[in-house]
C-alpha cells in the first residue's frame, strides 16, 4: 500500500486509490492456490454465526472453506452452503486434523464461553497459521491470556476492546486510536476496532481510519461477515495489515451501498455486494 506523510499519530484514511489489491488469477489457477479457511465456532443456538463467516470467505475467493462446529449444525450448514466442508466437533481432539489442513483460521463467531468453546479455542491458539479472532474468542482471551500467532487479526467492538484492556467501554470510545494501538501492541497483531469510524492498527503504531459505512449496519451478524472477508483475503496472500484495510473498506462500502434502503439490513445481504465491490477493485482476470 502506498504510504503518505501524516501528522504524527494521525490515521490515514482508507481509500480505493491507496488500498492494496489481489493479483489477477492466471488462466491455469486452481483452488489450492487460494488458501483453505477453517471457521471454528457456533455453539448451540449460534450456528448462524459460523455460516455467515464461511459464506463471506467463500464469496470473497478463498479456494477452500471448512467449518468446525457443533455436530447439531452440520446438516443445516451443508444444506445452506454445499460448497463448504463441515465437521461436527464435540471436543478439541476432533479438530486437530482440520487444523493441519487449513492455511487460515477463524475463531470466535458463535463460539460461546462455556467449556466447549474454551477447548476449541485452546487448540486454535496453539496452531501457527494466520488467524482472525472475533466475538467470544476475544472475550475468552480477556479472561485467559494466550499468545496469538504472528500475522493474526483481532476484530473487537468497543465492549470487547474494553474487556481486553481492562477499562470501560466509555474509555475506549474516548480514545479509540489509543485503544486500537494498545491492543495491536499487546497481542502483536493487527487490530480492527469496529464501530462508526472503524480503525485498523498494527503493532508498529500504523493507523488507518475507515470513514465509510451506514447506521443501517447496526445489526447482528455483520461482524461475522467481516471476519470471513478478512480470512479470505489472508488466504489469497495479503498480509494482515493489507487484508484488514481492504476488508474493512469493502465491508463498510457494501453497508453504505445497501444502507440507502434504510432499516432492516441483514448481514447476509452484504455478501454479494462485497463480492461485486472486490471484483471492481481487484478484477479476477484482466
Protein backbone atom coordinates (compact mmCIF):
# COMPACT_ATOMS: atom_id res chain seq x y z
CA UNK A 1 0.00 0.00 0.00
CA UNK A 2 1.47 3.40 -0.89
CA UNK A 3 2.46 5.39 2.18
CA UNK A 4 1.79 9.09 2.58
CA UNK A 5 3.01 11.51 5.24
CA UNK A 6 0.59 12.37 8.03
CA UNK A 7 0.82 14.34 11.23
CA UNK A 8 2.24 12.20 13.99
CA UNK A 9 -0.31 9.77 15.42
CA UNK A 10 -2.95 10.77 12.83
CA UNK A 11 -4.56 7.91 10.91
CA UNK A 12 -4.54 7.74 7.17
CA UNK A 13 -7.94 7.47 5.52
CA UNK A 14 -8.80 4.28 3.68
CA UNK A 15 -9.47 4.98 0.02
CA UNK A 16 -9.90 2.86 -3.10
CA UNK A 17 -6.94 4.75 -4.55
CA UNK A 18 -4.50 3.60 -1.87
CA UNK A 19 -5.84 0.20 -0.84
CA UNK A 20 -3.94 -2.96 -1.71
CA UNK A 21 -5.44 -5.33 -4.25
CA UNK A 22 -5.46 -9.01 -5.04
CA UNK A 23 -3.49 -10.10 -8.07
CA UNK A 24 -5.40 -11.27 -11.13
CA UNK A 25 -5.63 -15.05 -11.41
CA UNK A 26 -3.70 -16.90 -14.11
CA UNK A 27 -5.64 -18.99 -16.61
CA UNK A 28 -4.37 -22.23 -15.04
CA UNK A 29 -5.36 -21.30 -11.47
CA UNK A 30 -6.81 -23.99 -9.19
CA UNK A 31 -8.46 -23.98 -5.78
CA UNK A 32 -5.27 -24.96 -4.00
CA UNK A 33 -3.71 -21.65 -4.99
CA UNK A 34 -6.09 -19.59 -2.89
CA UNK A 35 -5.92 -20.98 0.59
CA UNK A 36 -8.07 -23.06 2.90
CA UNK A 37 -10.07 -21.15 5.51
CA UNK A 38 -11.28 -23.04 8.59
CA UNK A 39 -14.00 -21.33 10.64
CA UNK A 40 -14.29 -22.55 14.24
CA UNK A 41 -17.32 -21.70 16.37
CA UNK A 42 -21.08 -21.95 16.50
CA UNK A 43 -22.08 -23.28 19.90
CA UNK A 44 -25.66 -24.43 20.36
CA UNK A 45 -28.03 -21.66 19.35
CA UNK A 46 -25.45 -19.62 17.45
CA UNK A 47 -24.70 -21.76 14.41
CA UNK A 48 -25.64 -18.94 12.06
CA UNK A 49 -22.52 -17.00 13.01
CA UNK A 50 -20.10 -19.54 11.50
CA UNK A 51 -22.36 -19.87 8.48
CA UNK A 52 -22.09 -16.13 7.79
CA UNK A 53 -18.31 -16.18 8.14
CA UNK A 54 -17.98 -19.21 5.91
CA UNK A 55 -20.23 -17.74 3.22
CA UNK A 56 -18.26 -14.48 3.22
CA UNK A 57 -14.95 -16.35 2.94
CA UNK A 58 -16.28 -18.44 0.08
CA UNK A 59 -17.70 -15.48 -1.85
CA UNK A 60 -14.53 -13.42 -1.41
CA UNK A 61 -12.42 -16.03 -3.13
CA UNK A 62 -10.94 -18.48 -0.64
CA UNK A 63 -10.07 -21.66 -2.52
CA UNK A 64 -11.49 -23.95 0.16
CA UNK A 65 -13.66 -23.26 3.19
CA UNK A 66 -14.30 -25.60 6.11
CA UNK A 67 -16.36 -25.14 9.27
CA UNK A 68 -15.85 -26.87 12.61
CA UNK A 69 -18.91 -26.52 14.80
CA UNK A 70 -21.35 -28.39 16.98
CA UNK A 71 -22.46 -31.65 15.31
CA UNK A 72 -26.06 -30.43 15.55
CA UNK A 73 -25.32 -27.69 12.99
CA UNK A 74 -23.70 -29.77 10.28
CA UNK A 75 -26.86 -30.73 8.36
CA UNK A 76 -28.09 -27.14 8.21
CA UNK A 77 -24.66 -25.92 7.15
CA UNK A 78 -24.36 -28.40 4.29
CA UNK A 79 -27.84 -27.51 3.13
CA UNK A 80 -27.14 -23.78 3.12
CA UNK A 81 -23.55 -23.92 1.84
CA UNK A 82 -22.92 -27.17 -0.04
CA UNK A 83 -19.66 -25.74 -1.42
CA UNK A 84 -18.12 -25.81 2.07
CA UNK A 85 -16.94 -28.70 4.24
CA UNK A 86 -18.48 -29.18 7.68
CA UNK A 87 -17.03 -31.01 10.67
CA UNK A 88 -19.01 -31.81 13.78
CA UNK A 89 -16.56 -31.32 16.65
CA UNK A 90 -17.55 -32.24 20.18
CA UNK A 91 -14.02 -31.76 21.53
CA UNK A 92 -10.69 -30.19 20.59
CA UNK A 93 -9.26 -33.62 19.70
CA UNK A 94 -11.68 -33.86 16.80
CA UNK A 95 -10.41 -30.53 15.49
CA UNK A 96 -6.75 -31.47 15.03
CA UNK A 97 -6.85 -32.96 11.53
CA UNK A 98 -8.85 -30.00 10.23
CA UNK A 99 -6.36 -27.56 11.76
CA UNK A 100 -3.49 -29.26 9.95
CA UNK A 101 -5.21 -28.88 6.55
CA UNK A 102 -6.12 -25.19 6.92
CA UNK A 103 -3.96 -22.24 5.90
CA UNK A 104 -6.02 -19.53 7.69
CA UNK A 105 -8.09 -19.93 10.84
CA UNK A 106 -11.16 -18.02 12.03
CA UNK A 107 -12.20 -18.48 15.64
CA UNK A 108 -14.92 -16.84 17.68
CA UNK A 109 -18.17 -16.45 15.74
CA UNK A 110 -20.83 -18.03 17.94
CA UNK A 111 -18.10 -19.81 19.94
CA UNK A 112 -19.60 -19.15 23.37
CA UNK A 113 -17.64 -19.01 26.59
CA UNK A 114 -18.50 -22.42 28.03
CA UNK A 115 -16.23 -25.48 28.19
CA UNK A 116 -16.78 -26.45 24.54
CA UNK A 117 -15.71 -23.06 23.23
CA UNK A 118 -12.75 -22.82 25.60
CA UNK A 119 -11.50 -26.23 24.48
CA UNK A 120 -11.65 -25.40 20.77
CA UNK A 121 -10.05 -22.01 21.30
CA UNK A 122 -7.08 -23.54 23.10
CA UNK A 123 -6.46 -25.83 20.15
CA UNK A 124 -6.65 -22.98 17.64
CA UNK A 125 -4.36 -20.78 19.73
CA UNK A 126 -1.63 -23.43 19.56
CA UNK A 127 -1.75 -23.57 15.76
CA UNK A 128 0.71 -21.45 13.79
CA UNK A 129 -1.39 -20.36 10.80
CA UNK A 130 -2.55 -16.73 10.42
CA UNK A 131 -5.76 -16.28 12.38
CA UNK A 132 -8.74 -13.96 12.69
CA UNK A 133 -10.16 -13.70 16.21
CA UNK A 134 -13.65 -12.33 16.79
CA UNK A 135 -16.53 -12.30 19.25
CA UNK A 136 -16.26 -14.84 22.09
CA UNK A 137 -12.68 -15.71 21.19
CA UNK A 138 -11.87 -12.15 22.28
CA UNK A 139 -13.97 -12.43 25.44
CA UNK A 140 -12.14 -15.64 26.36
CA UNK A 141 -8.80 -14.01 25.53
CA UNK A 142 -9.62 -11.26 28.01
CA UNK A 143 -10.08 -13.89 30.73
CA UNK A 144 -7.18 -16.19 29.81
CA UNK A 145 -4.04 -14.66 28.31
CA UNK A 146 -2.93 -16.50 25.19
CA UNK A 147 -0.19 -15.78 22.65
CA UNK A 148 -1.54 -15.31 19.15
CA UNK A 149 0.43 -16.50 16.11
CA UNK A 150 2.11 -13.78 14.09
CA UNK A 151 0.17 -12.30 11.16
CA UNK A 152 -3.13 -12.53 13.04
CA UNK A 153 -6.04 -10.07 13.18
CA UNK A 154 -8.24 -9.15 16.15
CA UNK A 155 -11.68 -7.64 15.41
CA UNK A 156 -13.14 -6.27 18.68
CA UNK A 157 -16.11 -3.98 19.03
CA UNK A 158 -15.70 -1.35 21.79
CA UNK A 159 -17.09 -3.60 24.53
CA UNK A 160 -14.71 -6.43 23.65
CA UNK A 161 -11.81 -3.98 23.40
CA UNK A 162 -12.67 -2.69 26.87
CA UNK A 163 -12.56 -6.18 28.34
CA UNK A 164 -9.23 -6.93 26.64
CA UNK A 165 -7.73 -3.70 28.02
CA UNK A 166 -9.38 -3.87 31.45
CA UNK A 167 -11.04 -0.46 31.07
CA UNK A 168 -14.55 0.81 30.46
CA UNK A 169 -16.25 0.95 27.08
CA UNK A 170 -16.53 4.70 27.57
CA UNK A 171 -12.76 4.95 27.95
CA UNK A 172 -12.26 3.02 24.72
CA UNK A 173 -14.64 5.32 22.87
CA UNK A 174 -12.96 8.41 24.32
CA UNK A 175 -9.62 7.37 22.77
CA UNK A 176 -10.35 4.85 20.05
CA UNK A 177 -6.99 5.36 18.35
CA UNK A 178 -5.11 4.77 21.59
CA UNK A 179 -7.14 1.64 22.35
CA UNK A 180 -6.58 0.16 18.90
CA UNK A 181 -2.84 0.79 19.08
CA UNK A 182 -2.58 -0.68 22.59
CA UNK A 183 -4.35 -3.85 21.53
CA UNK A 184 -2.17 -4.22 18.44
CA UNK A 185 0.97 -3.88 20.56
CA UNK A 186 -0.26 -6.10 23.39
CA UNK A 187 -1.14 -9.01 21.11
CA UNK A 188 1.45 -8.37 18.37
CA UNK A 189 -1.37 -8.49 15.85
CA UNK A 190 -3.35 -6.18 13.62
CA UNK A 191 -6.36 -4.77 15.48
CA UNK A 192 -9.62 -3.80 13.77
CA UNK A 193 -11.58 -1.69 16.26
CA UNK A 194 -15.10 -1.78 14.89
CA UNK A 195 -17.76 0.90 15.15
CA UNK A 196 -18.56 4.18 13.45
CA UNK A 197 -15.18 5.11 12.03
CA UNK A 198 -13.57 1.67 12.21
CA UNK A 199 -9.83 1.84 12.93
CA UNK A 200 -7.07 -0.51 11.83
CA UNK A 201 -3.84 -0.53 13.88
CA UNK A 202 -0.66 -2.57 13.70
CA UNK A 203 1.97 -3.29 16.38
CA UNK A 204 4.30 -0.63 14.96
CA UNK A 205 1.70 2.08 15.54
CA UNK A 206 0.45 2.46 11.99
CA UNK A 207 -3.21 3.53 11.99
CA UNK A 208 -5.90 3.69 9.31
CA UNK A 209 -9.43 5.10 9.54
CA UNK A 210 -12.46 3.99 7.53
CA UNK A 211 -14.91 6.84 7.03
CA UNK A 212 -17.39 4.75 5.03
CA UNK A 213 -20.42 2.87 6.34
CA UNK A 214 -24.03 3.50 7.30
CA UNK A 215 -26.09 3.36 10.54
CA UNK A 216 -28.24 0.63 8.96
CA UNK A 217 -25.25 -1.64 9.63
CA UNK A 218 -26.06 -1.65 13.35
CA UNK A 219 -27.34 -5.21 13.47
CA UNK A 220 -26.47 -8.80 14.29
CA UNK A 221 -24.06 -10.83 12.22
CA UNK A 222 -22.28 -8.09 10.29
CA UNK A 223 -19.09 -8.70 12.25
CA UNK A 224 -19.23 -12.38 11.34
CA UNK A 225 -19.31 -11.39 7.66
CA UNK A 226 -16.32 -9.09 8.12
CA UNK A 227 -14.38 -11.90 9.77
CA UNK A 228 -14.94 -14.17 6.79
CA UNK A 229 -13.88 -11.43 4.37
CA UNK A 230 -10.63 -10.89 6.25
CA UNK A 231 -9.88 -14.60 6.29
CA UNK A 232 -10.44 -14.91 2.53
CA UNK A 233 -8.06 -12.04 1.84
CA UNK A 234 -5.39 -13.60 4.07
CA UNK A 235 -5.90 -16.94 2.34
CA UNK A 236 -5.25 -15.31 -1.04
CA UNK A 237 -1.92 -13.91 0.01
CA UNK A 238 -2.44 -10.47 1.52
CA UNK A 239 -0.55 -9.63 4.70
CA UNK A 240 -2.57 -8.96 7.86
CA UNK A 241 -2.38 -5.16 7.57
CA UNK A 242 -3.34 -5.23 3.89
CA UNK A 243 -6.18 -7.69 4.45
CA UNK A 244 -7.56 -5.68 7.35
CA UNK A 245 -7.55 -2.39 5.47
CA UNK A 246 -9.10 -3.81 2.31
CA UNK A 247 -11.61 -5.98 4.16
CA UNK A 248 -12.82 -3.16 6.40
CA UNK A 249 -13.25 -0.85 3.40
CA UNK A 250 -15.16 -3.46 1.35
CA UNK A 251 -17.46 -4.25 4.26
CA UNK A 252 -18.19 -0.60 5.04
CA UNK A 253 -18.78 0.34 1.40
CA UNK A 254 -21.18 -2.58 0.97
CA UNK A 255 -23.11 -1.44 4.02
CA UNK A 256 -23.17 2.10 2.69
CA UNK A 257 -24.46 0.95 -0.69
CA UNK A 258 -27.24 -1.11 0.91
CA UNK A 259 -27.94 1.32 3.74
CA UNK A 260 -29.75 3.73 1.43
CA UNK A 261 -32.67 1.29 1.55
CA UNK A 262 -32.99 2.00 5.26
CA UNK A 263 -33.57 -0.22 8.27
CA UNK A 264 -33.67 -3.99 8.19
CA UNK A 265 -30.27 -4.66 6.63
CA UNK A 266 -29.43 -8.34 7.18
CA UNK A 267 -25.82 -9.43 7.45
CA UNK A 268 -26.15 -11.91 4.59
CA UNK A 269 -27.31 -9.06 2.32
CA UNK A 270 -23.75 -7.72 2.36
CA UNK A 271 -22.06 -10.79 0.92
CA UNK A 272 -22.98 -10.43 -2.78
CA UNK A 273 -22.31 -6.69 -2.65
CA UNK A 274 -18.88 -7.23 -1.09
CA UNK A 275 -18.13 -9.75 -3.83
CA UNK A 276 -19.07 -7.20 -6.51
CA UNK A 277 -17.01 -4.47 -4.85
CA UNK A 278 -13.99 -6.75 -4.62
CA UNK A 279 -14.24 -7.51 -8.33
CA UNK A 280 -14.49 -3.78 -9.11
CA UNK A 281 -11.38 -3.18 -7.04
CA UNK A 282 -9.35 -6.29 -8.00
CA UNK A 283 -10.54 -7.99 -11.17
CA UNK A 284 -10.24 -11.78 -11.11
CA UNK A 285 -9.00 -11.82 -14.69
CA UNK A 286 -7.60 -9.00 -16.80
